[in-house]
Amino acid sequence: MERSPTEAPTWSRLAQGRSIAAQMANAIAMNYGSSKKFPRFGRGPNMRASEEVLACFYDLADFDENKRFNATIKILDACKSNGKYCMERLIGGLASSRAAARLGYTTAFTHALRAFSNDWPAEALFELADSKLDSTKAEGSAGVLGRHLLYTAMINSRCYAEVADELVERELAILDKHHYFAMAITQSVAELAKQLDKATFKTSVWTKIKSRVCKTFDSIAPEWLYFVLLIRDMFKETRKRDLSFFSDDGKLSIEETDYENVVNVLKGIPGDQGRVRESETGNCYPMAVALGASTSSPYEKQRVAGGQGERPESFNLLYLLSS
C-alpha cells in the first residue's frame, strides 16, 4: 500500500492493517512455535545491529504495511542475538512522530514482548520507560505518548498481568496529567481487566478506579462510562453491587430525567461543568475525537488522543450504549 510521505492515513486504510496483523501473528507462530519455545536471547551486551536490521527499524515507520510486516519479522529474528539493542530501539521508537512510526514500533514491540517476555521482566521495561521516555516536558510531549504505548504493548502482549497494579497506576498517572489520553487509557485498562480473575480485578483495578466510575450520569466522565460498558459482562457482581445505572441483565437503565446528562456525556462534557463550558464558548469537546482513541491500532489511539486525524467512522460508545 504505497502513498506519499505527506499523505495522512485514513481510518479505513488503518483498519485494513488488521489483516496484516493477523498474517504477522501467523508468520511469527510458524517461525517460532509456541511462546514456551521462543529462544532466549537475554538482555546481553548492547551491540550495534547489522545494516540490514538497522534498515528494518527505518521501515517500521513506513506507511506501507507490508514493509512494516517484513521489518517486524526480521527484527524479531535479530532479537535472538542482539536483544538488548533491538528492544531499546523499539522502546525509543514509540516516541517517534515520523510517518507511521508509532504504529510500526508499537506493533513490533508488542510481538517482541509476546515472544520474549521471559527475558524482559516488567521491572526492566519500567526502568527503560523511565529512562528513555521523558514525561516531564510540556503537555503533548512525545515521551508521554511513548510511555502509554509501552504500557499498552505490555497489556496487549498478555504476558504482564502479574503487574496489573503498577500498570494501572502508571496509566492513571498519565491520564490525570494529560486528559486527552483518557479514552485510550481506559480502553487499555479495560483490556487488562479482561485478563484478570475476579479477585485480582478487585484488588489491582477496581479499588484504584472505583471513585471515578461509581457516579451518576450527571457527573461520570465519558471515558469511565466507556470503561464500564467494556467490562460489564466480565464482572457482573461488581456491576450489580456498585453501579446504579445498569439493570440486572447488563443493559443501561436511563431514566427520562437523565437524558440531558447522557447527551452531555456523549459530547464529552460531564454534568453542569459541561453545560457552562458549552454556553460560554459555544463549543464542546466532541466525543467523536475521544472515541477514535479506542480503536484497535495503537497508532490510531495516539493520533486521535493528540487531537489529530479524522472523525472515526463508527462511534463505539454509541454502539455500546445501544447494546
Foldseek 3Di string as FASTA:
>chain_A
DDDDQPDADAQVRVVVCVVLLVVLVVVVCVVQNALVRQAAQALDDQDDDDPVLVVLLVQLQHPPSVSLSVSLVVLLVVCNHRVNNSQLSLLLQCLDPRHNSVLSSLSSNLVSCLNHVVRPDPVNLVVSLPVRQDPPDDAPHSSLRSSLSSLLSVLVSLPHLVVLQVSLVSLVVSCVVQVLLLQLSLLSNLSSLLSDDPVCCVVRPCVVCVVQQQDDLQAHFLSSVVNCLSCCVPHVVCCVPRHDQADSVGAGNDDPVCPVSNVCNQQRHHHPRQVVVCVVPVHTRHNQLSQQLNDDGSSSNVQSSSVHHDRDPDRVVVVSNVD
